[in-house]
C-alpha atoms as a PDB file:
ATOM      1  CA  MET A   1     -18.241  90.553  16.800  1.00  0.00           C
ATOM      2  CA  ARG A   2     -16.644  93.032  18.708  1.00  0.00           C
ATOM      3  CA  ASN A   3     -14.351  92.107  21.850  1.00  0.00           C
ATOM      4  CA  ARG A   4     -14.419  93.809  25.082  1.00  0.00           C
ATOM      5  CA  ARG A   5     -11.323  95.807  24.415  1.00  0.00           C
ATOM      6  CA  ASP A   6     -12.735  97.416  21.352  1.00  0.00           C
ATOM      7  CA  MET A   7     -15.982  97.999  23.095  1.00  0.00           C
ATOM      8  CA  ARG A   8     -14.170  99.775  26.047  1.00  0.00           C
ATOM      9  CA  ARG A   9     -12.300 101.955  23.391  1.00  0.00           C
ATOM     10  CA  GLU A  10     -15.595 103.222  22.052  1.00  0.00           C
ATOM     11  CA  VAL A  11     -16.781 104.013  25.280  1.00  0.00           C
ATOM     12  CA  THR A  12     -13.584 105.761  26.470  1.00  0.00           C
ATOM     13  CA  GLY A  13     -12.450 107.101  23.101  1.00  0.00           C
ATOM     14  CA  THR A  14      -8.939 105.861  23.367  1.00  0.00           C
ATOM     15  CA  ARG A  15      -6.863 105.007  20.482  1.00  0.00           C
ATOM     16  CA  TYR A  16      -4.693 101.873  19.686  1.00  0.00           C
ATOM     17  CA  SER A  17      -1.470 101.808  21.320  1.00  0.00           C
ATOM     18  CA  SER A  18       1.679 101.214  19.072  1.00  0.00           C
ATOM     19  CA  THR A  19       2.025  97.644  20.384  1.00  0.00           C
ATOM     20  CA  GLU A  20      -1.672  96.654  19.306  1.00  0.00           C
ATOM     21  CA  ARG A  21      -0.958  98.340  15.927  1.00  0.00           C
ATOM     22  CA  ALA A  22       2.179  96.262  15.399  1.00  0.00           C
ATOM     23  CA  VAL A  23       0.316  93.206  16.469  1.00  0.00           C
ATOM     24  CA  SER A  24      -2.472  93.982  13.908  1.00  0.00           C
ATOM     25  CA  ARG A  25       0.021  94.616  11.210  1.00  0.00           C
ATOM     26  CA  THR A  26       1.646  91.166  12.062  1.00  0.00           C
ATOM     27  CA  HIS A  27      -1.628  89.478  11.685  1.00  0.00           C
ATOM     28  CA  VAL A  28      -2.242  91.101   8.457  1.00  0.00           C
ATOM     29  CA  THR A  29       1.139  90.128   7.290  1.00  0.00           C
ATOM     30  CA  ARG A  30       0.740  86.669   8.382  1.00  0.00           C
ATOM     31  CA  SER A  31      -2.702  86.391   6.566  1.00  0.00           C
ATOM     32  CA  PHE A  32      -1.396  87.889   3.458  1.00  0.00           C
ATOM     33  CA  ARG A  33       1.618  85.357   3.623  1.00  0.00           C
ATOM     34  CA  ARG A  34      -0.780  82.404   4.030  1.00  0.00           C
ATOM     35  CA  ILE A  35      -2.994  83.473   1.256  1.00  0.00           C
ATOM     36  CA  PHE A  36       0.073  84.141  -1.036  1.00  0.00           C
ATOM     37  CA  ALA A  37       1.574  80.769  -0.183  1.00  0.00           C
ATOM     38  CA  GLY A  38      -1.904  79.006  -0.893  1.00  0.00           C
ATOM     39  CA  MET A  39      -2.080  80.886  -4.406  1.00  0.00           C
ATOM     40  CA  PHE A  40       1.544  79.776  -4.911  1.00  0.00           C
ATOM     41  CA  LEU A  41       0.634  76.031  -4.216  1.00  0.00           C
ATOM     42  CA  VAL A  42      -2.500  76.130  -6.462  1.00  0.00           C
ATOM     43  CA  LEU A  43      -0.429  77.723  -9.307  1.00  0.00           C
ATOM     44  CA  CYS A  44       2.459  75.160  -8.865  1.00  0.00           C
ATOM     45  CA  ALA A  45      -0.215  72.231  -8.979  1.00  0.00           C
ATOM     46  CA  CYS A  46      -1.930  73.735 -12.053  1.00  0.00           C
ATOM     47  CA  LEU A  47       1.443  74.096 -13.783  1.00  0.00           C
ATOM     48  CA  SER A  48       2.411  70.465 -12.877  1.00  0.00           C
ATOM     49  CA  PHE A  49      -0.945  69.232 -14.192  1.00  0.00           C
ATOM     50  CA  GLY A  50      -0.762  70.959 -17.356  1.00  0.00           C
ATOM     51  CA  ALA A  51       2.936  69.791 -17.957  1.00  0.00           C
ATOM     52  CA  PHE A  52       1.615  66.193 -17.487  1.00  0.00           C
ATOM     53  CA  LEU A  53      -1.166  66.866 -19.890  1.00  0.00           C
ATOM     54  CA  VAL A  54       1.264  68.025 -22.532  1.00  0.00           C
ATOM     55  CA  HIS A  55       3.459  65.169 -21.913  1.00  0.00           C
ATOM     56  CA  ALA A  56       0.736  62.599 -22.037  1.00  0.00           C
ATOM     57  CA  GLN A  57      -0.488  64.093 -25.212  1.00  0.00           C
ATOM     58  CA  GLY A  58       2.815  64.036 -26.882  1.00  0.00           C
ATOM     59  CA  LYS A  59       2.930  60.246 -26.747  1.00  0.00           C
ATOM     60  CA  ASN A  60       1.260  59.136 -30.041  1.00  0.00           C
ATOM     61  CA  SER A  61      -0.138  55.723 -29.792  1.00  0.00           C
ATOM     62  CA  GLY A  62       0.065  53.229 -32.707  1.00  0.00           C
ATOM     63  CA  PHE A  63       0.061  54.674 -36.137  1.00  0.00           C
ATOM     64  CA  ALA A  64      -1.587  57.983 -35.716  1.00  0.00           C
ATOM     65  CA  SER A  65       0.119  60.886 -36.979  1.00  0.00           C
ATOM     66  CA  GLU A  66      -2.509  63.786 -36.900  1.00  0.00           C
ATOM     67  CA  TYR A  67      -5.747  62.136 -37.567  1.00  0.00           C
ATOM     68  CA  THR A  68      -6.503  58.475 -37.906  1.00  0.00           C
ATOM     69  CA  CYS A  69      -9.337  57.687 -40.296  1.00  0.00           C
ATOM     70  CA  TYR A  70     -10.902  54.251 -41.018  1.00  0.00           C
ATOM     71  CA  THR A  71     -12.380  52.821 -44.223  1.00  0.00           C
ATOM     72  CA  SER A  72     -13.707  49.532 -45.176  1.00  0.00           C
ATOM     73  CA  ILE A  73     -12.135  47.575 -47.972  1.00  0.00           C
ATOM     74  CA  VAL A  74     -13.281  44.533 -49.798  1.00  0.00           C
ATOM     75  CA  ILE A  75     -10.625  41.678 -49.802  1.00  0.00           C
ATOM     76  CA  GLN A  76      -9.327  40.811 -53.221  1.00  0.00           C
ATOM     77  CA  PRO A  77      -7.928  37.277 -54.291  1.00  0.00           C
ATOM     78  CA  GLY A  78      -4.393  37.019 -53.295  1.00  0.00           C
ATOM     79  CA  ASP A  79      -4.525  39.662 -50.484  1.00  0.00           C
ATOM     80  CA  SER A  80      -3.118  38.936 -47.067  1.00  0.00           C
ATOM     81  CA  LEU A  81      -3.141  40.901 -43.915  1.00  0.00           C
ATOM     82  CA  TRP A  82       0.518  41.498 -44.273  1.00  0.00           C
ATOM     83  CA  SER A  83       0.201  42.940 -47.940  1.00  0.00           C
ATOM     84  CA  ILE A  84      -2.733  45.206 -46.733  1.00  0.00           C
ATOM     85  CA  SER A  85      -0.711  46.271 -43.822  1.00  0.00           C
ATOM     86  CA  LYS A  86       2.410  46.957 -46.030  1.00  0.00           C
ATOM     87  CA  LYS A  87       0.205  49.006 -48.526  1.00  0.00           C
ATOM     88  CA  ALA A  88      -1.439  51.000 -45.846  1.00  0.00           C
ATOM     89  CA  LEU A  89       1.833  51.898 -44.072  1.00  0.00           C
ATOM     90  CA  THR A  90       3.678  52.755 -47.283  1.00  0.00           C
ATOM     91  CA  ALA A  91       1.128  54.734 -48.916  1.00  0.00           C
ATOM     92  CA  SER A  92       2.566  58.122 -49.224  1.00  0.00           C
ATOM     93  CA  PRO A  93       0.498  61.380 -48.251  1.00  0.00           C
ATOM     94  CA  GLU A  94      -0.529  63.174 -51.295  1.00  0.00           C
ATOM     95  CA  GLU A  95       1.066  66.548 -50.076  1.00  0.00           C
ATOM     96  CA  SER A  96       4.540  65.150 -49.648  1.00  0.00           C
ATOM     97  CA  GLY A  97       4.799  62.678 -52.464  1.00  0.00           C
ATOM     98  CA  ALA A  98       7.770  60.828 -50.581  1.00  0.00           C
ATOM     99  CA  ALA A  99       8.044  57.283 -50.251  1.00  0.00           C
ATOM    100  CA  VAL A 100       7.641  55.966 -46.583  1.00  0.00           C
ATOM    101  CA  THR A 101      10.013  53.151 -45.591  1.00  0.00           C
ATOM    102  CA  VAL A 102       8.500  50.528 -42.991  1.00  0.00           C
ATOM    103  CA  THR A 103      10.270  47.717 -41.302  1.00  0.00           C
ATOM    104  CA  ASP A 104       8.924  44.199 -40.681  1.00  0.00           C
ATOM    105  CA  ALA A 105       8.314  45.023 -37.099  1.00  0.00           C
ATOM    106  CA  ASP A 106       6.050  48.112 -38.149  1.00  0.00           C
ATOM    107  CA  ILE A 107       4.154  45.671 -40.324  1.00  0.00           C
ATOM    108  CA  THR A 108       3.766  43.014 -37.777  1.00  0.00           C
ATOM    109  CA  GLU A 109       2.613  45.588 -35.364  1.00  0.00           C
ATOM    110  CA  TYR A 110       0.001  47.085 -37.827  1.00  0.00           C
ATOM    111  CA  THR A 111      -1.290  43.526 -38.809  1.00  0.00           C
ATOM    112  CA  ALA A 112      -1.954  42.919 -35.124  1.00  0.00           C
ATOM    113  CA  PHE A 113      -3.682  46.260 -35.029  1.00  0.00           C
ATOM    114  CA  LEU A 114      -5.871  45.211 -37.989  1.00  0.00           C
ATOM    115  CA  MET A 115      -6.673  41.919 -36.443  1.00  0.00           C
ATOM    116  CA  ASP A 116      -7.666  43.795 -33.294  1.00  0.00           C
ATOM    117  CA  ILE A 117     -10.021  46.299 -34.735  1.00  0.00           C
ATOM    118  CA  ASN A 118     -11.598  43.672 -37.131  1.00  0.00           C
ATOM    119  CA  ASP A 119     -11.881  41.179 -34.178  1.00  0.00           C
ATOM    120  CA  LEU A 120     -10.012  38.476 -36.172  1.00  0.00           C
ATOM    121  CA  ALA A 121      -8.795  35.374 -34.296  1.00  0.00           C
ATOM    122  CA  SER A 122      -6.091  34.546 -36.784  1.00  0.00           C
ATOM    123  CA  ASP A 123      -4.507  36.470 -39.799  1.00  0.00           C
ATOM    124  CA  GLN A 124      -6.455  34.282 -42.430  1.00  0.00           C
ATOM    125  CA  ILE A 125      -8.687  36.414 -44.480  1.00  0.00           C
ATOM    126  CA  HIS A 126     -10.728  35.483 -47.479  1.00  0.00           C
ATOM    127  CA  ALA A 127     -11.684  37.150 -50.830  1.00  0.00           C
ATOM    128  CA  GLY A 128     -14.888  38.991 -50.653  1.00  0.00           C
ATOM    129  CA  GLN A 129     -14.514  39.791 -47.003  1.00  0.00           C
ATOM    130  CA  ASN A 130     -14.846  43.306 -45.586  1.00  0.00           C
ATOM    131  CA  LEU A 131     -12.044  44.680 -43.585  1.00  0.00           C
ATOM    132  CA  ILE A 132     -11.746  48.013 -41.583  1.00  0.00           C
ATOM    133  CA  VAL A 133      -8.354  49.641 -42.410  1.00  0.00           C
ATOM    134  CA  ALA A 134      -7.049  52.548 -40.607  1.00  0.00           C
ATOM    135  CA  TYR A 135      -4.859  55.377 -42.507  1.00  0.00           C
ATOM    136  CA  ARG A 136      -3.338  58.627 -41.616  1.00  0.00           C
ATOM    137  CA  GLU A 137      -4.292  61.846 -43.058  1.00  0.00           C
END
Protein backbone atom coordinates (compact mmCIF):
# COMPACT_ATOMS: atom_id res chain seq x y z
CA MET A 1 0.00 0.00 0.00
CA ARG A 2 1.36 3.39 -0.97
CA ASN A 3 1.59 6.26 1.44
CA ARG A 4 0.72 9.90 0.64
CA ARG A 5 4.33 10.93 0.09
CA ASP A 6 4.82 8.26 -2.62
CA MET A 7 1.54 9.21 -4.29
CA ARG A 8 2.56 12.90 -4.29
CA ARG A 9 5.93 12.00 -5.87
CA GLU A 10 4.23 10.10 -8.66
CA VAL A 11 2.04 13.08 -9.45
CA THR A 12 4.78 15.69 -9.21
CA GLY A 13 7.61 13.54 -10.57
CA THR A 14 9.99 14.41 -7.73
CA ARG A 15 12.74 12.11 -6.56
CA TYR A 16 13.67 10.94 -3.09
CA SER A 17 15.87 13.27 -1.10
CA SER A 18 19.24 12.08 0.23
CA THR A 19 17.78 12.02 3.77
CA GLU A 20 14.94 9.77 2.66
CA ARG A 21 17.37 7.47 0.83
CA ALA A 22 19.53 7.25 3.96
CA VAL A 23 16.44 6.40 6.04
CA SER A 24 15.50 3.75 3.50
CA ARG A 25 19.01 2.25 3.60
CA THR A 26 18.94 2.27 7.39
CA HIS A 27 15.62 0.42 7.30
CA VAL A 28 17.08 -2.22 4.94
CA THR A 29 20.20 -2.52 7.10
CA ARG A 30 18.12 -3.00 10.24
CA SER A 31 15.94 -5.58 8.51
CA PHE A 32 19.03 -7.42 7.30
CA ARG A 33 20.51 -7.37 10.80
CA ARG A 34 17.31 -8.75 12.29
CA ILE A 35 17.11 -11.54 9.71
CA PHE A 36 20.80 -12.35 10.16
CA ALA A 37 20.44 -12.38 13.97
CA GLY A 38 17.42 -14.68 13.70
CA MET A 39 19.25 -17.07 11.40
CA PHE A 40 22.25 -17.03 13.73
CA LEU A 41 20.04 -17.90 16.72
CA VAL A 42 18.41 -20.77 14.80
CA LEU A 43 21.84 -22.07 13.80
CA CYS A 44 23.06 -21.91 17.40
CA ALA A 45 19.94 -23.73 18.60
CA CYS A 46 20.41 -26.48 15.98
CA LEU A 47 24.08 -26.92 16.89
CA SER A 48 23.27 -27.07 20.59
CA PHE A 49 20.52 -29.64 20.04
CA GLY A 50 22.81 -31.69 17.79
CA ALA A 51 25.56 -31.64 20.39
CA PHE A 52 23.04 -32.80 23.00
CA LEU A 53 21.97 -35.71 20.78
CA VAL A 54 25.55 -36.78 20.16
CA HIS A 55 26.31 -36.57 23.88
CA ALA A 56 23.14 -38.50 24.78
CA GLN A 57 23.89 -41.22 22.25
CA GLY A 58 27.45 -41.56 23.52
CA LYS A 59 26.21 -42.91 26.85
CA ASN A 60 25.83 -46.66 26.50
CA SER A 61 23.38 -48.15 28.90
CA GLY A 62 23.95 -51.52 30.47
CA PHE A 63 25.88 -54.08 28.50
CA ALA A 64 25.41 -52.90 24.96
CA SER A 65 28.49 -52.54 22.86
CA GLU A 66 27.29 -52.00 19.33
CA TYR A 67 24.31 -54.34 19.16
CA THR A 68 22.54 -56.22 21.91
CA CYS A 69 20.97 -59.48 20.83
CA TYR A 70 18.72 -61.76 22.83
CA THR A 71 18.44 -65.52 22.84
CA SER A 72 16.51 -68.06 24.86
CA ILE A 73 18.40 -70.80 26.70
CA VAL A 74 17.23 -73.84 28.65
CA ILE A 75 18.57 -73.99 32.21
CA GLN A 76 20.72 -77.07 32.81
CA PRO A 77 21.12 -78.81 36.18
CA GLY A 78 23.66 -76.95 38.31
CA ASP A 79 23.21 -73.63 36.48
CA SER A 80 22.66 -70.44 38.45
CA LEU A 81 21.99 -66.87 37.37
CA TRP A 82 25.50 -66.01 38.56
CA SER A 83 27.16 -68.69 36.38
CA ILE A 84 25.00 -67.80 33.36
CA SER A 85 25.82 -64.10 33.85
CA LYS A 86 29.52 -64.85 34.11
CA LYS A 87 29.45 -67.00 30.94
CA ALA A 88 27.55 -64.33 29.02
CA LEU A 89 29.91 -61.55 30.09
CA THR A 90 33.18 -63.44 29.61
CA ALA A 91 32.29 -64.97 26.24
CA SER A 92 34.86 -63.42 23.91
CA PRO A 93 33.76 -62.16 20.52
CA GLU A 94 34.79 -64.44 17.68
CA GLU A 95 36.65 -61.66 15.84
CA SER A 96 39.02 -60.66 18.63
CA GLY A 97 39.65 -63.97 20.34
CA ALA A 98 40.76 -62.06 23.44
CA ALA A 99 39.58 -63.03 26.89
CA VAL A 100 37.32 -60.55 28.65
CA THR A 101 37.76 -59.87 32.36
CA VAL A 102 34.75 -58.85 34.40
CA THR A 103 34.35 -57.86 38.03
CA ASP A 104 31.89 -59.20 40.56
CA ALA A 105 30.04 -55.88 40.33
CA ASP A 106 29.58 -56.42 36.57
CA ILE A 107 28.23 -59.91 37.17
CA THR A 108 25.89 -58.66 39.91
CA GLU A 109 24.60 -55.91 37.63
CA TYR A 110 24.08 -58.32 34.73
CA THR A 111 22.30 -60.79 37.03
CA ALA A 112 19.90 -58.01 38.05
CA PHE A 113 19.45 -57.21 34.36
CA LEU A 114 18.60 -60.87 33.61
CA MET A 115 16.12 -60.93 36.50
CA ASP A 116 14.50 -57.78 35.11
CA ILE A 117 14.13 -58.93 31.49
CA ASN A 118 12.92 -62.38 32.58
CA ASP A 119 10.54 -60.95 35.21
CA LEU A 120 12.07 -63.03 38.01
CA ALA A 121 11.27 -62.18 41.64
CA SER A 122 14.41 -63.92 42.95
CA ASP A 123 17.63 -65.36 41.60
CA GLN A 124 16.35 -68.93 41.97
CA ILE A 125 16.11 -70.80 38.66
CA HIS A 126 15.33 -74.45 37.95
CA ALA A 127 16.58 -76.98 35.39
CA GLY A 128 14.39 -77.07 32.28
CA GLN A 129 13.27 -73.46 32.70
CA ASN A 130 13.70 -71.10 29.71
CA LEU A 131 15.67 -67.91 30.23
CA ILE A 132 16.19 -64.92 27.92
CA VAL A 133 19.87 -63.90 27.81
CA ALA A 134 21.35 -60.81 26.17
CA TYR A 135 24.68 -60.99 24.41
CA ARG A 136 26.83 -58.53 22.49
CA GLU A 137 27.57 -58.76 18.84
